[in-house]
Amino acid sequence: MSSESQVHSSAGASQSSHKSYNVGFVLAALLTLIPFGLAMYPSLPRTAKFLLVLACAVIQILVHMVFFLHLTTAREQRWSLVALVFTVVIIVLLVGLSLWIMYYVHYNMLGL
């Protein structure tokens, strides 16, 4: 009897996992098609398009983290969240400081 319940519970977990992946896939596809449509059919001002594409990118990152990486605020996943925060900090520092350096290199090279 217990083996039947284990098989049934693992099948239920598999179905919910497949449902989660399917929902994530549909959301990711929509969040990819929206910026593509904005680029192919320009009808909005440039600033509005930029903000919409940026918003879709941020939402898509969150969709990937929730539906594919299964990152939540559960106690068991604290180390995953700590690693994610560390990675984000490093990427922001690398990109931000690189832009800062390139801006000042460009500023100092204007006189040549």
PDB file of N, CA and C in Angstrom:
ATOM      1  N   MET A   1       0.819  -1.187   0.000  1.00  0.00           N
ATOM      2  CA  MET A   1       0.000   0.000   0.000  1.00  0.00           C
ATOM      3  C   MET A   1       0.862   1.249   0.000  1.00  0.00           C
ATOM      4  N   SER A   2       1.968   1.232   0.753  1.00  0.00           N
ATOM      5  CA  SER A   2       2.808   2.424   0.803  1.00  0.00           C
ATOM      6  C   SER A   2       3.524   2.666  -0.520  1.00  0.00           C
ATOM      7  N   SER A   3       3.860   1.581  -1.235  1.00  0.00           N
ATOM      8  CA  SER A   3       4.526   1.776  -2.521  1.00  0.00           C
ATOM      9  C   SER A   3       3.583   2.422  -3.530  1.00  0.00           C
ATOM     10  N   GLU A   4       2.272   2.114  -3.434  1.00  0.00           N
ATOM     11  CA  GLU A   4       1.308   2.747  -4.328  1.00  0.00           C
ATOM     12  C   GLU A   4       1.213   4.240  -4.052  1.00  0.00           C
ATOM     13  N   SER A   5       1.237   4.614  -2.773  1.00  0.00           N
ATOM     14  CA  SER A   5       1.131   6.036  -2.443  1.00  0.00           C
ATOM     15  C   SER A   5       2.397   6.782  -2.857  1.00  0.00           C
ATOM     16  N   GLN A   6       3.552   6.118  -2.779  1.00  0.00           N
ATOM     17  CA  GLN A   6       4.780   6.770  -3.206  1.00  0.00           C
ATOM     18  C   GLN A   6       4.777   6.994  -4.713  1.00  0.00           C
ATOM     19  N   VAL A   7       4.305   6.010  -5.460  1.00  0.00           N
ATOM     20  CA  VAL A   7       4.240   6.147  -6.906  1.00  0.00           C
ATOM     21  C   VAL A   7       3.255   7.250  -7.269  1.00  0.00           C
ATOM     22  N   HIS A   8       2.110   7.280  -6.587  1.00  0.00           N
ATOM     23  CA  HIS A   8       1.095   8.296  -6.871  1.00  0.00           C
ATOM     24  C   HIS A   8       1.605   9.685  -6.533  1.00  0.00           C
ATOM     25  N   SER A   9       2.316   9.827  -5.414  1.00  0.00           N
ATOM     26  CA  SER A   9       2.807  11.148  -5.029  1.00  0.00           C
ATOM     27  C   SER A   9       3.912  11.630  -5.965  1.00  0.00           C
ATOM     28  N   SER A  10       4.762  10.726  -6.435  1.00  0.00           N
ATOM     29  CA  SER A  10       5.809  11.162  -7.356  1.00  0.00           C
ATOM     30  C   SER A  10       5.224  11.530  -8.712  1.00  0.00           C
ATOM     31  N   ALA A  11       4.152  10.850  -9.128  1.00  0.00           N
ATOM     32  CA  ALA A  11       3.504  11.205 -10.388  1.00  0.00           C
ATOM     33  C   ALA A  11       2.845  12.569 -10.273  1.00  0.00           C
ATOM     34  N   GLY A  12       2.262  12.871  -9.126  1.00  0.00           N
ATOM     35  CA  GLY A  12       1.646  14.181  -8.912  1.00  0.00           C
ATOM     36  C   GLY A  12       2.679  15.282  -8.921  1.00  0.00           C
ATOM     37  N   ALA A  13       3.837  15.021  -8.323  1.00  0.00           N
ATOM     38  CA  ALA A  13       4.911  16.015  -8.320  1.00  0.00           C
ATOM     39  C   ALA A  13       5.429  16.243  -9.729  1.00  0.00           C
ATOM     40  N   SER A  14       5.491  15.165 -10.512  1.00  0.00           N
ATOM     41  CA  SER A  14       5.966  15.292 -11.885  1.00  0.00           C
ATOM     42  C   SER A  14       4.993  16.110 -12.723  1.00  0.00           C
ATOM     43  N   GLN A  15       3.689  15.887 -12.518  1.00  0.00           N
ATOM     44  CA  GLN A  15       2.692  16.642 -13.269  1.00  0.00           C
ATOM     45  C   GLN A  15       2.740  18.116 -12.914  1.00  0.00           C
ATOM     46  N   SER A  16       2.895  18.435 -11.627  1.00  0.00           N
ATOM     47  CA  SER A  16       2.965  19.844 -11.242  1.00  0.00           C
ATOM     48  C   SER A  16       4.254  20.474 -11.761  1.00  0.00           C
ATOM     49  N   SER A  17       5.328  19.690 -11.819  1.00  0.00           N
ATOM     50  CA  SER A  17       6.581  20.198 -12.355  1.00  0.00           C
ATOM     51  C   SER A  17       6.441  20.491 -13.849  1.00  0.00           C
ATOM     52  N   HIS A  18       5.794  19.586 -14.580  1.00  0.00           N
ATOM     53  CA  HIS A  18       5.571  19.817 -16.010  1.00  0.00           C
ATOM     54  C   HIS A  18       4.672  21.029 -16.220  1.00  0.00           C
ATOM     55  N   LYS A  19       3.666  21.177 -15.381  1.00  0.00           N
ATOM     56  CA  LYS A  19       2.781  22.335 -15.495  1.00  0.00           C
ATOM     57  C   LYS A  19       3.564  23.622 -15.247  1.00  0.00           C
ATOM     58  N   SER A  20       4.447  23.602 -14.260  1.00  0.00           N
ATOM     59  CA  SER A  20       5.270  24.769 -13.956  1.00  0.00           C
ATOM     60  C   SER A  20       6.178  25.109 -15.134  1.00  0.00           C
ATOM     61  N   TYR A  21       6.784  24.097 -15.732  1.00  0.00           N
ATOM     62  CA  TYR A  21       7.648  24.336 -16.887  1.00  0.00           C
ATOM     63  C   TYR A  21       6.851  24.870 -18.076  1.00  0.00           C
ATOM     64  N   ASN A  22       5.654  24.339 -18.288  1.00  0.00           N
ATOM     65  CA  ASN A  22       4.833  24.807 -19.405  1.00  0.00           C
ATOM     66  C   ASN A  22       4.391  26.252 -19.208  1.00  0.00           C
ATOM     67  N   VAL A  23       3.966  26.595 -17.997  1.00  0.00           N
ATOM     68  CA  VAL A  23       3.578  27.976 -17.708  1.00  0.00           C
ATOM     69  C   VAL A  23       4.781  28.900 -17.894  1.00  0.00           C
ATOM     70  N   GLY A  24       5.942  28.489 -17.401  1.00  0.00           N
ATOM     71  CA  GLY A  24       7.154  29.284 -17.562  1.00  0.00           C
ATOM     72  C   GLY A  24       7.528  29.463 -19.020  1.00  0.00           C
ATOM     73  N   PHE A  25       7.376  28.406 -19.803  1.00  0.00           N
ATOM     74  CA  PHE A  25       7.700  28.490 -21.228  1.00  0.00           C
ATOM     75  C   PHE A  25       6.783  29.468 -21.947  1.00  0.00           C
ATOM     76  N   VAL A  26       5.487  29.392 -21.662  1.00  0.00           N
ATOM     77  CA  VAL A  26       4.530  30.293 -22.317  1.00  0.00           C
ATOM     78  C   VAL A  26       4.817  31.740 -21.927  1.00  0.00           C
ATOM     79  N   LEU A  27       5.060  31.989 -20.644  1.00  0.00           N
ATOM     80  CA  LEU A  27       5.372  33.351 -20.204  1.00  0.00           C
ATOM     81  C   LEU A  27       6.669  33.859 -20.833  1.00  0.00           C
ATOM     82  N   ALA A  28       7.691  33.005 -20.877  1.00  0.00           N
ATOM     83  CA  ALA A  28       8.965  33.411 -21.473  1.00  0.00           C
ATOM     84  C   ALA A  28       8.801  33.696 -22.965  1.00  0.00           C
ATOM     85  N   ALA A  29       8.009  32.881 -23.653  1.00  0.00           N
ATOM     86  CA  ALA A  29       7.779  33.119 -25.081  1.00  0.00           C
ATOM     87  C   ALA A  29       7.046  34.440 -25.304  1.00  0.00           C
ATOM     88  N   LEU A  30       6.032  34.715 -24.490  1.00  0.00           N
ATOM     89  CA  LEU A  30       5.310  35.987 -24.623  1.00  0.00           C
ATOM     90  C   LEU A  30       6.220  37.172 -24.331  1.00  0.00           C
ATOM     91  N   LEU A  31       7.050  37.028 -23.299  1.00  0.00           N
ATOM     92  CA  LEU A  31       7.949  38.120 -22.934  1.00  0.00           C
ATOM     93  C   LEU A  31       9.086  38.287 -23.943  1.00  0.00           C
ATOM     94  N   THR A  32       9.268  37.331 -24.827  1.00  0.00           N
ATOM     95  CA  THR A  32      10.220  37.471 -25.925  1.00  0.00           C
ATOM     96  C   THR A  32       9.540  38.071 -27.153  1.00  0.00           C
ATOM     97  N   LEU A  33       8.303  37.674 -27.393  1.00  0.00           N
ATOM     98  CA  LEU A  33       7.585  38.163 -28.572  1.00  0.00           C
ATOM     99  C   LEU A  33       7.178  39.629 -28.454  1.00  0.00           C
ATOM    100  N   ILE A  34       6.921  40.100 -27.254  1.00  0.00           N
ATOM    101  CA  ILE A  34       6.528  41.507 -27.071  1.00  0.00           C
ATOM    102  C   ILE A  34       7.639  42.451 -27.530  1.00  0.00           C
ATOM    103  N   PRO A  35       8.891  42.310 -27.057  1.00  0.00           N
ATOM    104  CA  PRO A  35       9.948  43.201 -27.570  1.00  0.00           C
ATOM    105  C   PRO A  35      10.211  43.014 -29.067  1.00  0.00           C
ATOM    106  N   PHE A  36      10.078  41.779 -29.551  1.00  0.00           N
ATOM    107  CA  PHE A  36      10.255  41.543 -30.982  1.00  0.00           C
ATOM    108  C   PHE A  36       9.210  42.317 -31.780  1.00  0.00           C
ATOM    109  N   GLY A  37       7.967  42.274 -31.326  1.00  0.00           N
ATOM    110  CA  GLY A  37       6.910  43.028 -31.995  1.00  0.00           C
ATOM    111  C   GLY A  37       7.144  44.523 -31.930  1.00  0.00           C
ATOM    112  N   LEU A  38       7.646  44.996 -30.795  1.00  0.00           N
ATOM    113  CA  LEU A  38       7.948  46.426 -30.672  1.00  0.00           C
ATOM    114  C   LEU A  38       9.052  46.847 -31.637  1.00  0.00           C
ATOM    115  N   ALA A  39      10.015  45.967 -31.857  1.00  0.00           N
ATOM    116  CA  ALA A  39      11.113  46.296 -32.770  1.00  0.00           C
ATOM    117  C   ALA A  39      10.672  46.216 -34.231  1.00  0.00           C
ATOM    118  N   MET A  40       9.819  45.250 -34.549  1.00  0.00           N
ATOM    119  CA  MET A  40       9.397  45.061 -35.937  1.00  0.00           C
ATOM    120  C   MET A  40       8.353  46.076 -36.384  1.00  0.00           C
ATOM    121  N   TYR A  41       7.500  46.498 -35.469  1.00  0.00           N
ATOM    122  CA  TYR A  41       6.426  47.436 -35.810  1.00  0.00           C
ATOM    123  C   TYR A  41       6.559  48.684 -34.955  1.00  0.00           C
ATOM    124  N   PRO A  42       7.426  49.598 -35.364  1.00  0.00           N
ATOM    125  CA  PRO A  42       7.670  50.786 -34.537  1.00  0.00           C
ATOM    126  C   PRO A  42       6.485  51.749 -34.574  1.00  0.00           C
ATOM    127  N   SER A  43       5.800  51.841 -33.461  1.00  0.00           N
ATOM    128  CA  SER A  43       4.683  52.776 -33.378  1.00  0.00           C
ATOM    129  C   SER A  43       4.762  53.626 -32.115  1.00  0.00           C
ATOM    130  N   LEU A  44       5.659  53.292 -31.236  1.00  0.00           N
ATOM    131  CA  LEU A  44       5.830  54.030 -29.987  1.00  0.00           C
ATOM    132  C   LEU A  44       7.100  54.872 -30.046  1.00  0.00           C
ATOM    133  N   PRO A  45       7.171  55.901 -29.220  1.00  0.00           N
ATOM    134  CA  PRO A  45       8.431  56.657 -29.130  1.00  0.00           C
ATOM    135  C   PRO A  45       9.571  55.765 -28.629  1.00  0.00           C
ATOM    136  N   ARG A  46      10.766  56.181 -28.933  1.00  0.00           N
ATOM    137  CA  ARG A  46      11.951  55.383 -28.605  1.00  0.00           C
ATOM    138  C   ARG A  46      12.084  55.127 -27.102  1.00  0.00           C
ATOM    139  N   THR A  47      11.796  56.130 -26.282  1.00  0.00           N
ATOM    140  CA  THR A  47      11.911  55.973 -24.831  1.00  0.00           C
ATOM    141  C   THR A  47      10.907  54.954 -24.308  1.00  0.00           C
ATOM    142  N   ALA A  48       9.690  55.000 -24.811  1.00  0.00           N
ATOM    143  CA  ALA A  48       8.663  54.052 -24.374  1.00  0.00           C
ATOM    144  C   ALA A  48       9.039  52.627 -24.769  1.00  0.00           C
ATOM    145  N   LYS A  49       9.562  52.464 -25.995  1.00  0.00           N
ATOM    146  CA  LYS A  49      10.001  51.128 -26.423  1.00  0.00           C
ATOM    147  C   LYS A  49      11.120  50.615 -25.537  1.00  0.00           C
ATOM    148  N   PHE A  50      12.079  51.488 -25.230  1.00  0.00           N
ATOM    149  CA  PHE A  50      13.197  51.087 -24.381  1.00  0.00           C
ATOM    150  C   PHE A  50      12.698  50.634 -23.014  1.00  0.00           C
ATOM    151  N   LEU A  51      11.790  51.389 -22.429  1.00  0.00           N
ATOM    152  CA  LEU A  51      11.276  51.032 -21.105  1.00  0.00           C
ATOM    153  C   LEU A  51      10.466  49.737 -21.142  1.00  0.00           C
ATOM    154  N   LEU A  52       9.689  49.529 -22.203  1.00  0.00           N
ATOM    155  CA  LEU A  52       8.924  48.287 -22.321  1.00  0.00           C
ATOM    156  C   LEU A  52       9.838  47.077 -22.505  1.00  0.00           C
ATOM    157  N   VAL A  53      10.861  47.220 -23.324  1.00  0.00           N
ATOM    158  CA  VAL A  53      11.806  46.114 -23.522  1.00  0.00           C
ATOM    159  C   VAL A  53      12.553  45.823 -22.224  1.00  0.00           C
ATOM    160  N   LEU A  54      12.958  46.863 -21.512  1.00  0.00           N
ATOM    161  CA  LEU A  54      13.634  46.675 -20.230  1.00  0.00           C
ATOM    162  C   LEU A  54      12.717  45.993 -19.220  1.00  0.00           C
ATOM    163  N   ALA A  55      11.461  46.401 -19.164  1.00  0.00           N
ATOM    164  CA  ALA A  55      10.504  45.775 -18.246  1.00  0.00           C
ATOM    165  C   ALA A  55      10.291  44.309 -18.602  1.00  0.00           C
ATOM    166  N   CYS A  56      10.164  44.002 -19.887  1.00  0.00           N
ATOM    167  CA  CYS A  56      10.004  42.607 -20.309  1.00  0.00           C
ATOM    168  C   CYS A  56      11.234  41.778 -19.943  1.00  0.00           C
ATOM    169  N   ALA A  57      12.414  42.361 -20.060  1.00  0.00           N
ATOM    170  CA  ALA A  57      13.641  41.637 -19.714  1.00  0.00           C
ATOM    171  C   ALA A  57      13.692  41.327 -18.223  1.00  0.00           C
ATOM    172  N   VAL A  58      13.348  42.302 -17.398  1.00  0.00           N
ATOM    173  CA  VAL A  58      13.373  42.083 -15.946  1.00  0.00           C
ATOM    174  C   VAL A  58      12.326  41.049 -15.549  1.00  0.00           C
ATOM    175  N   ILE A  59      11.131  41.152 -16.117  1.00  0.00           N
ATOM    176  CA  ILE A  59      10.079  40.181 -15.800  1.00  0.00           C
ATOM    177  C   ILE A  59      10.485  38.793 -16.279  1.00  0.00           C
ATOM    178  N   GLN A  60      11.147  38.718 -17.431  1.00  0.00           N
ATOM    179  CA  GLN A  60      11.567  37.412 -17.936  1.00  0.00           C
ATOM    180  C   GLN A  60      12.637  36.790 -17.038  1.00  0.00           C
ATOM    181  N   ILE A  61      13.520  37.592 -16.503  1.00  0.00           N
ATOM    182  CA  ILE A  61      14.510  37.072 -15.552  1.00  0.00           C
ATOM    183  C   ILE A  61      13.803  36.480 -14.343  1.00  0.00           C
ATOM    184  N   LEU A  62      12.798  37.185 -13.835  1.00  0.00           N
ATOM    185  CA  LEU A  62      12.043  36.679 -12.687  1.00  0.00           C
ATOM    186  C   LEU A  62      11.284  35.403 -13.036  1.00  0.00           C
ATOM    187  N   VAL A  63      10.706  35.341 -14.236  1.00  0.00           N
ATOM    188  CA  VAL A  63       9.999  34.133 -14.670  1.00  0.00           C
ATOM    189  C   VAL A  63      10.959  32.954 -14.722  1.00  0.00           C
ATOM    190  N   HIS A  64      12.148  33.159 -15.257  1.00  0.00           N
ATOM    191  CA  HIS A  64      13.132  32.074 -15.325  1.00  0.00           C
ATOM    192  C   HIS A  64      13.548  31.616 -13.930  1.00  0.00           C
ATOM    193  N   MET A  65      13.739  32.567 -13.022  1.00  0.00           N
ATOM    194  CA  MET A  65      14.157  32.185 -11.668  1.00  0.00           C
ATOM    195  C   MET A  65      13.066  31.414 -10.943  1.00  0.00           C
ATOM    196  N   VAL A  66      11.812  31.773 -11.142  1.00  0.00           N
ATOM    197  CA  VAL A  66      10.726  31.115 -10.416  1.00  0.00           C
ATOM    198  C   VAL A  66      10.330  29.798 -11.072  1.00  0.00           C
ATOM    199  N   PHE A  67      10.111  29.790 -12.381  1.00  0.00           N
ATOM    200  CA  PHE A  67       9.555  28.613 -13.036  1.00  0.00           C
ATOM    201  C   PHE A  67      10.597  27.589 -13.472  1.00  0.00           C
ATOM    202  N   PHE A  68      11.821  28.009 -13.766  1.00  0.00           N
ATOM    203  CA  PHE A  68      12.826  27.061 -14.234  1.00  0.00           C
ATOM    204  C   PHE A  68      13.873  26.742 -13.169  1.00  0.00           C
ATOM    205  N   LEU A  69      14.337  27.746 -12.444  1.00  0.00           N
ATOM    206  CA  LEU A  69      15.318  27.503 -11.385  1.00  0.00           C
ATOM    207  C   LEU A  69      14.659  27.179 -10.053  1.00  0.00           C
ATOM    208  N   HIS A  70      13.356  27.409  -9.950  1.00  0.00           N
ATOM    209  CA  HIS A  70      12.565  27.137  -8.744  1.00  0.00           C
ATOM    210  C   HIS A  70      13.140  27.829  -7.520  1.00  0.00           C
ATOM    211  N   LEU A  71      13.581  29.061  -7.681  1.00  0.00           N
ATOM    212  CA  LEU A  71      14.083  29.832  -6.547  1.00  0.00           C
ATOM    213  C   LEU A  71      12.911  30.462  -5.817  1.00  0.00           C
ATOM    214  N   THR A  72      12.830  30.184  -4.543  1.00  0.00           N
ATOM    215  CA  THR A  72      11.794  30.767  -3.697  1.00  0.00           C
ATOM    216  C   THR A  72      12.454  31.290  -2.435  1.00  0.00           C
ATOM    217  N   THR A  73      11.648  31.821  -1.546  1.00  0.00           N
ATOM    218  CA  THR A  73      12.185  32.311  -0.277  1.00  0.00           C
ATOM    219  C   THR A  73      12.103  31.247   0.808  1.00  0.00           C
ATOM    220  N   ALA A  74      11.980  29.985   0.422  1.00  0.00           N
ATOM    221  CA  ALA A  74      11.910  28.898   1.399  1.00  0.00           C
ATOM    222  C   ALA A  74      13.227  28.784   2.159  1.00  0.00           C
ATOM    223  N   ARG A  75      13.124  28.318   3.379  1.00  0.00           N
ATOM    224  CA  ARG A  75      14.298  28.209   4.244  1.00  0.00           C
ATOM    225  C   ARG A  75      15.358  27.271   3.657  1.00  0.00           C
ATOM    226  N   GLU A  76      14.925  26.243   2.940  1.00  0.00           N
ATOM    227  CA  GLU A  76      15.876  25.277   2.363  1.00  0.00           C
ATOM    228  C   GLU A  76      16.706  25.889   1.242  1.00  0.00           C
ATOM    229  N   GLN A  77      16.254  26.981   0.682  1.00  0.00           N
ATOM    230  CA  GLN A  77      16.953  27.567  -0.460  1.00  0.00           C
ATOM    231  C   GLN A  77      17.685  28.851  -0.105  1.00  0.00           C
ATOM    232  N   ARG A  78      17.994  29.056   1.158  1.00  0.00           N
ATOM    233  CA  ARG A  78      18.692  30.287   1.556  1.00  0.00           C
ATOM    234  C   ARG A  78      20.033  30.428   0.852  1.00  0.00           C
ATOM    235  N   TRP A  79      20.785  29.337   0.742  1.00  0.00           N
ATOM    236  CA  TRP A  79      22.109  29.433   0.135  1.00  0.00           C
ATOM    237  C   TRP A  79      22.003  29.725  -1.355  1.00  0.00           C
ATOM    238  N   SER A  80      20.976  29.230  -1.991  1.00  0.00           N
ATOM    239  CA  SER A  80      20.773  29.561  -3.406  1.00  0.00           C
ATOM    240  C   SER A  80      20.484  31.043  -3.572  1.00  0.00           C
ATOM    241  N   LEU A  81      19.680  31.597  -2.674  1.00  0.00           N
ATOM    242  CA  LEU A  81      19.378  33.028  -2.748  1.00  0.00           C
ATOM    243  C   LEU A  81      20.603  33.871  -2.429  1.00  0.00           C
ATOM    244  N   VAL A  82      21.410  33.421  -1.468  1.00  0.00           N
ATOM    245  CA  VAL A  82      22.638  34.150  -1.142  1.00  0.00           C
ATOM    246  C   VAL A  82      23.578  34.142  -2.347  1.00  0.00           C
ATOM    247  N   ALA A  83      23.701  33.000  -3.007  1.00  0.00           N
ATOM    248  CA  ALA A  83      24.545  32.913  -4.205  1.00  0.00           C
ATOM    249  C   ALA A  83      24.000  33.798  -5.322  1.00  0.00           C
ATOM    250  N   LEU A  84      22.683  33.850  -5.464  1.00  0.00           N
ATOM    251  CA  LEU A  84      22.073  34.707  -6.477  1.00  0.00           C
ATOM    252  C   LEU A  84      22.341  36.178  -6.191  1.00  0.00           C
ATOM    253  N   VAL A  85      22.181  36.594  -4.953  1.00  0.00           N
ATOM    254  CA  VAL A  85      22.438  37.990  -4.588  1.00  0.00           C
ATOM    255  C   VAL A  85      23.904  38.340  -4.827  1.00  0.00           C
ATOM    256  N   PHE A  86      24.809  37.450  -4.452  1.00  0.00           N
ATOM    257  CA  PHE A  86      26.233  37.681  -4.681  1.00  0.00           C
ATOM    258  C   PHE A  86      26.524  37.828  -6.173  1.00  0.00           C
ATOM    259  N   THR A  87      25.934  36.964  -6.994  1.00  0.00           N
ATOM    260  CA  THR A  87      26.134  37.029  -8.436  1.00  0.00           C
ATOM    261  C   THR A  87      25.616  38.346  -9.005  1.00  0.00           C
ATOM    262  N   VAL A  88      24.443  38.769  -8.556  1.00  0.00           N
ATOM    263  CA  VAL A  88      23.870  40.028  -9.040  1.00  0.00           C
ATOM    264  C   VAL A  88      24.760  41.199  -8.651  1.00  0.00           C
ATOM    265  N   VAL A  89      25.270  41.199  -7.422  1.00  0.00           N
ATOM    266  CA  VAL A  89      26.150  42.286  -6.978  1.00  0.00           C
ATOM    267  C   VAL A  89      27.413  42.335  -7.830  1.00  0.00           C
ATOM    268  N   ILE A  90      28.016  41.196  -8.091  1.00  0.00           N
ATOM    269  CA  ILE A  90      29.234  41.150  -8.904  1.00  0.00           C
ATOM    270  C   ILE A  90      28.955  41.640 -10.326  1.00  0.00           C
ATOM    271  N   ILE A  91      27.847  41.204 -10.915  1.00  0.00           N
ATOM    272  CA  ILE A  91      27.524  41.636 -12.282  1.00  0.00           C
ATOM    273  C   ILE A  91      27.263  43.134 -12.333  1.00  0.00           C
ATOM    274  N   VAL A  92      26.510  43.656 -11.356  1.00  0.00           N
ATOM    275  CA  VAL A  92      26.242  45.099 -11.323  1.00  0.00           C
ATOM    276  C   VAL A  92      27.543  45.878 -11.167  1.00  0.00           C
ATOM    277  N   LEU A  93      28.435  45.408 -10.312  1.00  0.00           N
ATOM    278  CA  LEU A  93      29.724  46.081 -10.150  1.00  0.00           C
ATOM    279  C   LEU A  93      30.541  46.041 -11.438  1.00  0.00           C
ATOM    280  N   LEU A  94      30.620  44.883 -12.072  1.00  0.00           N
ATOM    281  CA  LEU A  94      31.398  44.771 -13.308  1.00  0.00           C
ATOM    282  C   LEU A  94      30.846  45.667 -14.410  1.00  0.00           C
ATOM    283  N   VAL A  95      29.549  45.620 -14.617  1.00  0.00           N
ATOM    284  CA  VAL A  95      28.953  46.431 -15.681  1.00  0.00           C
ATOM    285  C   VAL A  95      29.022  47.911 -15.327  1.00  0.00           C
ATOM    286  N   GLY A  96      28.651  48.255 -14.100  1.00  0.00           N
ATOM    287  CA  GLY A  96      28.650  49.658 -13.693  1.00  0.00           C
ATOM    288  C   GLY A  96      30.026  50.285 -13.724  1.00  0.00           C
ATOM    289  N   LEU A  97      31.003  49.598 -13.179  1.00  0.00           N
ATOM    290  CA  LEU A  97      32.357  50.151 -13.171  1.00  0.00           C
ATOM    291  C   LEU A  97      32.969  50.175 -14.568  1.00  0.00           C
ATOM    292  N   SER A  98      32.633  49.208 -15.411  1.00  0.00           N
ATOM    293  CA  SER A  98      33.118  49.237 -16.795  1.00  0.00           C
ATOM    294  C   SER A  98      32.548  50.434 -17.545  1.00  0.00           C
ATOM    295  N   LEU A  99      31.261  50.701 -17.354  1.00  0.00           N
ATOM    296  CA  LEU A  99      30.661  51.878 -17.991  1.00  0.00           C
ATOM    297  C   LEU A  99      31.284  53.164 -17.466  1.00  0.00           C
ATOM    298  N   TRP A 100      31.546  53.211 -16.181  1.00  0.00           N
ATOM    299  CA  TRP A 100      32.163  54.390 -15.574  1.00  0.00           C
ATOM    300  C   TRP A 100      33.552  54.630 -16.164  1.00  0.00           C
ATOM    301  N   ILE A 101      34.344  53.559 -16.269  1.00  0.00           N
ATOM    302  CA  ILE A 101      35.689  53.668 -16.839  1.00  0.00           C
ATOM    303  C   ILE A 101      35.615  54.116 -18.294  1.00  0.00           C
ATOM    304  N   MET A 102      34.729  53.509 -19.074  1.00  0.00           N
ATOM    305  CA  MET A 102      34.622  53.866 -20.489  1.00  0.00           C
ATOM    306  C   MET A 102      34.142  55.301 -20.672  1.00  0.00           C
ATOM    307  N   TYR A 103      33.278  55.782 -19.798  1.00  0.00           N
ATOM    308  CA  TYR A 103      32.822  57.170 -19.880  1.00  0.00           C
ATOM    309  C   TYR A 103      33.994  58.118 -19.670  1.00  0.00           C
ATOM    310  N   TYR A 104      34.809  57.855 -18.646  1.00  0.00           N
ATOM    311  CA  TYR A 104      35.928  58.752 -18.375  1.00  0.00           C
ATOM    312  C   TYR A 104      37.052  58.615 -19.394  1.00  0.00           C
ATOM    313  N   VAL A 105      37.227  57.448 -19.978  1.00  0.00           N
ATOM    314  CA  VAL A 105      38.190  57.310 -21.069  1.00  0.00           C
ATOM    315  C   VAL A 105      37.715  58.134 -22.261  1.00  0.00           C
ATOM    316  N   HIS A 106      36.445  58.056 -22.578  1.00  0.00           N
ATOM    317  CA  HIS A 106      35.889  58.841 -23.682  1.00  0.00           C
ATOM    318  C   HIS A 106      35.998  60.337 -23.381  1.00  0.00           C
ATOM    319  N   TYR A 107      35.704  60.733 -22.162  1.00  0.00           N
ATOM    320  CA  TYR A 107      35.772  62.139 -21.766  1.00  0.00           C
ATOM    321  C   TYR A 107      37.196  62.674 -21.888  1.00  0.00           C
ATOM    322  N   ASN A 108      38.176  61.887 -21.465  1.00  0.00           N
ATOM    323  CA  ASN A 108      39.570  62.325 -21.508  1.00  0.00           C
ATOM    324  C   ASN A 108      40.159  62.281 -22.914  1.00  0.00           C
ATOM    325  N   MET A 109      39.569  61.516 -23.821  1.00  0.00           N
ATOM    326  CA  MET A 109      40.085  61.413 -25.184  1.00  0.00           C
ATOM    327  C   MET A 109      39.469  62.441 -26.125  1.00  0.00           C
ATOM    328  N   LEU A 110      38.548  63.254 -25.663  1.00  0.00           N
ATOM    329  CA  LEU A 110      37.898  64.231 -26.537  1.00  0.00           C
ATOM    330  C   LEU A 110      38.875  65.270 -27.067  1.00  0.00           C
ATOM    331  N   GLY A 111      39.898  65.603 -26.312  1.00  0.00           N
ATOM    332  CA  GLY A 111      40.837  66.637 -26.723  1.00  0.00           C
ATOM    333  C   GLY A 111      41.808  66.208 -27.805  1.00  0.00           C
ATOM    334  N   LEU A 112      41.919  64.938 -28.100  1.00  0.00           N
ATOM    335  CA  LEU A 112      42.899  64.465 -29.086  1.00  0.00           C
ATOM    336  C   LEU A 112      42.444  64.599 -30.480  1.00  0.00           C
TER     337      LEU A 112
END
